[in-house]
C-alpha atoms as a PDB file:
ATOM      1  CA  MET A   1     -45.683  52.379 -45.276  1.00  0.00           C
ATOM      2  CA  ALA A   2     -42.956  50.911 -43.249  1.00  0.00           C
ATOM      3  CA  ASP A   3     -43.653  49.221 -39.804  1.00  0.00           C
ATOM      4  CA  LEU A   4     -41.306  48.483 -37.054  1.00  0.00           C
ATOM      5  CA  ARG A   5     -40.490  45.127 -36.274  1.00  0.00           C
ATOM      6  CA  THR A   6     -37.853  43.169 -34.334  1.00  0.00           C
ATOM      7  CA  CYS A   7     -35.330  41.068 -36.207  1.00  0.00           C
ATOM      8  CA  PRO A   8     -35.651  37.392 -34.892  1.00  0.00           C
ATOM      9  CA  SER A   9     -31.975  37.115 -35.712  1.00  0.00           C
ATOM     10  CA  CYS A  10     -30.370  39.742 -33.373  1.00  0.00           C
ATOM     11  CA  GLY A  11     -33.391  41.347 -31.703  1.00  0.00           C
ATOM     12  CA  GLU A  12     -32.641  44.593 -32.725  1.00  0.00           C
ATOM     13  CA  PHE A  13     -35.559  46.872 -34.096  1.00  0.00           C
ATOM     14  CA  PHE A  14     -35.746  47.847 -37.653  1.00  0.00           C
ATOM     15  CA  ASN A  15     -38.482  49.313 -40.362  1.00  0.00           C
ATOM     16  CA  TYR A  16     -40.217  46.675 -42.304  1.00  0.00           C
ATOM     17  CA  THR A  17     -40.901  47.321 -45.801  1.00  0.00           C
ATOM     18  CA  GLY A  18     -41.640  43.933 -47.175  1.00  0.00           C
ATOM     19  CA  VAL A  19     -39.005  42.859 -48.556  1.00  0.00           C
ATOM     20  CA  ARG A  20     -36.741  41.031 -45.723  1.00  0.00           C
ATOM     21  CA  GLU A  21     -38.014  39.808 -42.330  1.00  0.00           C
ATOM     22  CA  VAL A  22     -34.863  40.667 -40.749  1.00  0.00           C
ATOM     23  CA  CYS A  23     -33.018  43.919 -40.395  1.00  0.00           C
ATOM     24  CA  PRO A  24     -30.550  45.111 -43.038  1.00  0.00           C
ATOM     25  CA  ARG A  25     -27.548  44.368 -40.923  1.00  0.00           C
ATOM     26  CA  CYS A  26     -28.734  40.271 -40.583  1.00  0.00           C
ATOM     27  CA  GLY A  27     -29.888  40.263 -44.171  1.00  0.00           C
ATOM     28  CA  MET A  28     -26.386  41.247 -45.545  1.00  0.00           C
ATOM     29  CA  ASN A  29     -25.198  38.321 -43.469  1.00  0.00           C
ATOM     30  CA  GLU A  30     -27.579  35.949 -44.937  1.00  0.00           C
ATOM     31  CA  GLU A  31     -26.836  37.164 -48.548  1.00  0.00           C
ATOM     32  CA  LYS A  32     -23.224  36.672 -47.750  1.00  0.00           C
ATOM     33  CA  THR A  33     -24.153  33.264 -46.736  1.00  0.00           C
ATOM     34  CA  TYR A  34     -26.402  32.384 -49.650  1.00  0.00           C
ATOM     35  CA  GLU A  35     -23.466  33.384 -51.869  1.00  0.00           C
ATOM     36  CA  GLU A  36     -21.294  30.756 -49.846  1.00  0.00           C
ATOM     37  CA  VAL A  37     -23.698  27.831 -50.290  1.00  0.00           C
ATOM     38  CA  TYR A  38     -24.376  28.869 -54.076  1.00  0.00           C
ATOM     39  CA  ARG A  39     -20.646  28.880 -54.568  1.00  0.00           C
ATOM     40  CA  PHE A  40     -20.408  25.174 -52.861  1.00  0.00           C
ATOM     41  CA  LEU A  41     -23.344  24.205 -54.804  1.00  0.00           C
ATOM     42  CA  ARG A  42     -21.867  25.107 -58.155  1.00  0.00           C
ATOM     43  CA  LYS A  43     -18.842  22.774 -57.749  1.00  0.00           C
ATOM     44  CA  ARG A  44     -19.784  19.627 -59.584  1.00  0.00           C
ATOM     45  CA  GLU A  45     -18.569  17.124 -57.300  1.00  0.00           C
ATOM     46  CA  ASN A  46     -21.415  19.168 -54.531  1.00  0.00           C
ATOM     47  CA  ARG A  47     -24.276  19.363 -56.705  1.00  0.00           C
ATOM     48  CA  ALA A  48     -26.333  16.352 -55.213  1.00  0.00           C
ATOM     49  CA  ALA A  49     -25.161  17.497 -51.709  1.00  0.00           C
ATOM     50  CA  THR A  50     -27.766  16.876 -48.767  1.00  0.00           C
ATOM     51  CA  ILE A  51     -28.978  19.554 -46.860  1.00  0.00           C
ATOM     52  CA  GLU A  52     -27.062  18.009 -43.850  1.00  0.00           C
ATOM     53  CA  ARG A  53     -23.917  18.507 -46.004  1.00  0.00           C
ATOM     54  CA  ILE A  54     -24.379  21.840 -47.107  1.00  0.00           C
ATOM     55  CA  VAL A  55     -25.138  23.024 -43.574  1.00  0.00           C
ATOM     56  CA  GLU A  56     -21.902  21.193 -42.193  1.00  0.00           C
ATOM     57  CA  ALA A  57     -19.851  22.811 -44.940  1.00  0.00           C
ATOM     58  CA  THR A  58     -21.060  26.436 -44.874  1.00  0.00           C
ATOM     59  CA  GLU A  59     -22.502  28.497 -42.337  1.00  0.00           C
ATOM     60  CA  ALA A  60     -25.872  28.246 -43.588  1.00  0.00           C
ATOM     61  CA  THR A  61     -28.900  26.685 -41.351  1.00  0.00           C
ATOM     62  CA  GLU A  62     -31.339  24.319 -42.537  1.00  0.00           C
ATOM     63  CA  GLU A  63     -34.005  27.113 -42.175  1.00  0.00           C
ATOM     64  CA  MET A  64     -32.428  29.534 -44.329  1.00  0.00           C
ATOM     65  CA  LEU A  65     -31.906  26.512 -47.033  1.00  0.00           C
ATOM     66  CA  HIS A  66     -35.447  25.666 -46.859  1.00  0.00           C
ATOM     67  CA  LYS A  67     -36.349  29.180 -47.172  1.00  0.00           C
ATOM     68  CA  TRP A  68     -34.133  29.784 -50.183  1.00  0.00           C
ATOM     69  CA  VAL A  69     -35.599  26.717 -51.760  1.00  0.00           C
ATOM     70  CA  ARG A  70     -39.317  27.645 -51.044  1.00  0.00           C
ATOM     71  CA  LYS A  71     -38.749  31.296 -52.510  1.00  0.00           C
ATOM     72  CA  GLY A  72     -36.776  29.783 -55.917  1.00  0.00           C
ATOM     73  CA  ARG A  73     -33.452  30.851 -55.137  1.00  0.00           C
ATOM     74  CA  LEU A  74     -31.869  27.651 -55.076  1.00  0.00           C
ATOM     75  CA  GLN A  75     -33.420  25.169 -57.709  1.00  0.00           C
ATOM     76  CA  PRO A  76     -34.597  21.385 -56.787  1.00  0.00           C
ATOM     77  CA  ALA A  77     -34.014  20.942 -60.370  1.00  0.00           C
ATOM     78  CA  MET A  78     -30.533  21.817 -60.629  1.00  0.00           C
ATOM     79  CA  PHE A  79     -29.576  20.482 -56.850  1.00  0.00           C
ATOM     80  CA  PRO A  80     -31.944  17.338 -56.660  1.00  0.00           C
ATOM     81  CA  ASN A  81     -31.554  16.883 -52.639  1.00  0.00           C
ATOM     82  CA  LEU A  82     -32.648  20.088 -51.696  1.00  0.00           C
ATOM     83  CA  GLY A  83     -36.177  20.976 -50.861  1.00  0.00           C
ATOM     84  CA  TYR A  84     -38.303  22.256 -47.786  1.00  0.00           C
ATOM     85  CA  PRO A  85     -40.356  20.481 -45.268  1.00  0.00           C
ATOM     86  CA  CYS A  86     -44.331  19.712 -46.074  1.00  0.00           C
ATOM     87  CA  ASP A  87     -46.544  21.690 -44.081  1.00  0.00           C
ATOM     88  CA  ASN A  88     -48.608  18.406 -43.218  1.00  0.00           C
ATOM     89  CA  CYS A  89     -46.062  15.579 -42.619  1.00  0.00           C
ATOM     90  CA  GLY A  90     -42.723  17.213 -43.108  1.00  0.00           C
ATOM     91  CA  LYS A  91     -41.344  15.123 -45.431  1.00  0.00           C
ATOM     92  CA  LEU A  92     -39.307  16.793 -48.098  1.00  0.00           C
ATOM     93  CA  THR A  93     -40.819  18.316 -51.136  1.00  0.00           C
ATOM     94  CA  SER A  94     -39.647  20.749 -54.008  1.00  0.00           C
ATOM     95  CA  LYS A  95     -42.969  22.067 -54.840  1.00  0.00           C
ATOM     96  CA  GLY A  96     -46.432  23.710 -53.217  1.00  0.00           C
ATOM     97  CA  LYS A  97     -46.938  23.516 -49.477  1.00  0.00           C
ATOM     98  CA  LEU A  98     -47.794  19.623 -49.492  1.00  0.00           C
ATOM     99  CA  CYS A  99     -45.914  16.492 -50.443  1.00  0.00           C
ATOM    100  CA  ASP A 100     -47.013  14.142 -53.171  1.00  0.00           C
ATOM    101  CA  THR A 101     -48.235  11.630 -50.785  1.00  0.00           C
ATOM    102  CA  CYS A 102     -50.154  14.144 -48.425  1.00  0.00           C
ATOM    103  CA  ILE A 103     -51.836  15.596 -51.601  1.00  0.00           C
ATOM    104  CA  ALA A 104     -52.921  11.932 -52.475  1.00  0.00           C
ATOM    105  CA  ASP A 105     -54.572  11.489 -49.403  1.00  0.00           C
ATOM    106  CA  LEU A 106     -56.291  14.672 -49.464  1.00  0.00           C
ATOM    107  CA  LYS A 107     -57.767  14.186 -52.835  1.00  0.00           C
ATOM    108  CA  GLN A 108     -58.912  10.431 -51.549  1.00  0.00           C
ATOM    109  CA  ASP A 109     -60.631  11.982 -48.303  1.00  0.00           C
ATOM    110  CA  LEU A 110     -62.524  14.400 -50.632  1.00  0.00           C
ATOM    111  CA  LYS A 111     -63.591  11.796 -52.717  1.00  0.00           C
ATOM    112  CA  THR A 112     -65.057  10.008 -49.696  1.00  0.00           C
ATOM    113  CA  PHE A 113     -66.385  13.169 -48.476  1.00  0.00           C
ATOM    114  CA  ASP A 114     -68.327  13.809 -51.930  1.00  0.00           C
ATOM    115  CA  ALA A 115     -69.568  10.319 -51.903  1.00  0.00           C
ATOM    116  CA  ALA A 116     -70.642  10.676 -48.368  1.00  0.00           C
ATOM    117  CA  THR A 117     -72.573  13.940 -48.993  1.00  0.00           C
ATOM    118  CA  GLU A 118     -74.014  12.336 -52.049  1.00  0.00           C
ATOM    119  CA  PHE A 119     -75.352   9.384 -49.854  1.00  0.00           C
ATOM    120  CA  ARG A 120     -76.753  11.623 -47.314  1.00  0.00           C
ATOM    121  CA  GLU A 121     -78.777  13.898 -50.069  1.00  0.00           C
ATOM    122  CA  ALA A 122     -80.056  10.288 -51.775  1.00  0.00           C
ATOM    123  CA  VAL A 123     -81.640   9.449 -48.325  1.00  0.00           C
ATOM    124  CA  ARG A 124     -82.795  12.807 -47.454  1.00  0.00           C
ATOM    125  CA  LYS A 125     -84.607  12.863 -50.976  1.00  0.00           C
ATOM    126  CA  ASN A 126     -85.936   9.136 -50.503  1.00  0.00           C
ATOM    127  CA  ASP A 127     -87.443  10.331 -46.988  1.00  0.00           C
ATOM    128  CA  GLN A 128     -89.153  13.296 -48.428  1.00  0.00           C
ATOM    129  CA  ALA A 129     -91.316  11.053 -50.454  1.00  0.00           C
ATOM    130  CA  THR A 130     -95.078  11.304 -50.516  1.00  0.00           C
ATOM    131  CA  TYR A 131     -97.069   8.264 -49.241  1.00  0.00           C
ATOM    132  CA  LEU A 132    -100.568   7.954 -49.726  1.00  0.00           C
ATOM    133  CA  SER A 133    -102.706   5.830 -47.595  1.00  0.00           C
ATOM    134  CA  ASP A 134    -106.217   4.381 -48.542  1.00  0.00           C
ATOM    135  CA  ARG A 135    -108.881   6.292 -46.095  1.00  0.00           C
ATOM    136  CA  LYS A 136    -111.691   3.799 -46.908  1.00  0.00           C
ATOM    137  CA  ARG A 137    -111.977   1.652 -44.065  1.00  0.00           C
END
């Protein structure tokens, strides 16, 4: 079932069907911009263009480029300087939600947490030991 939403680009109401986050008119404009960006990047001399260079040469915005890379419409394997910001630090990445540095930091934090949990469990088990006293005095 379609929801009535406001287009974030132009502010018009439209029926959201789950396909696009913008109204049909803005969707067509985005599609034209995508075609322009893709034509620009297909030229051999532009394949290694940075996001800033693409924005300068076309009508696309950085947010559009990030969205297209995240959705897989523009492949970082074909265009190496493309990516989208890491959800944690903002550095450009081309896969997942986190960059490699943030993933490594998260893994290290998890190892530290696991070691601390094991240590607390060992201390708790040690504190539960039974002590017998000599009652003959």
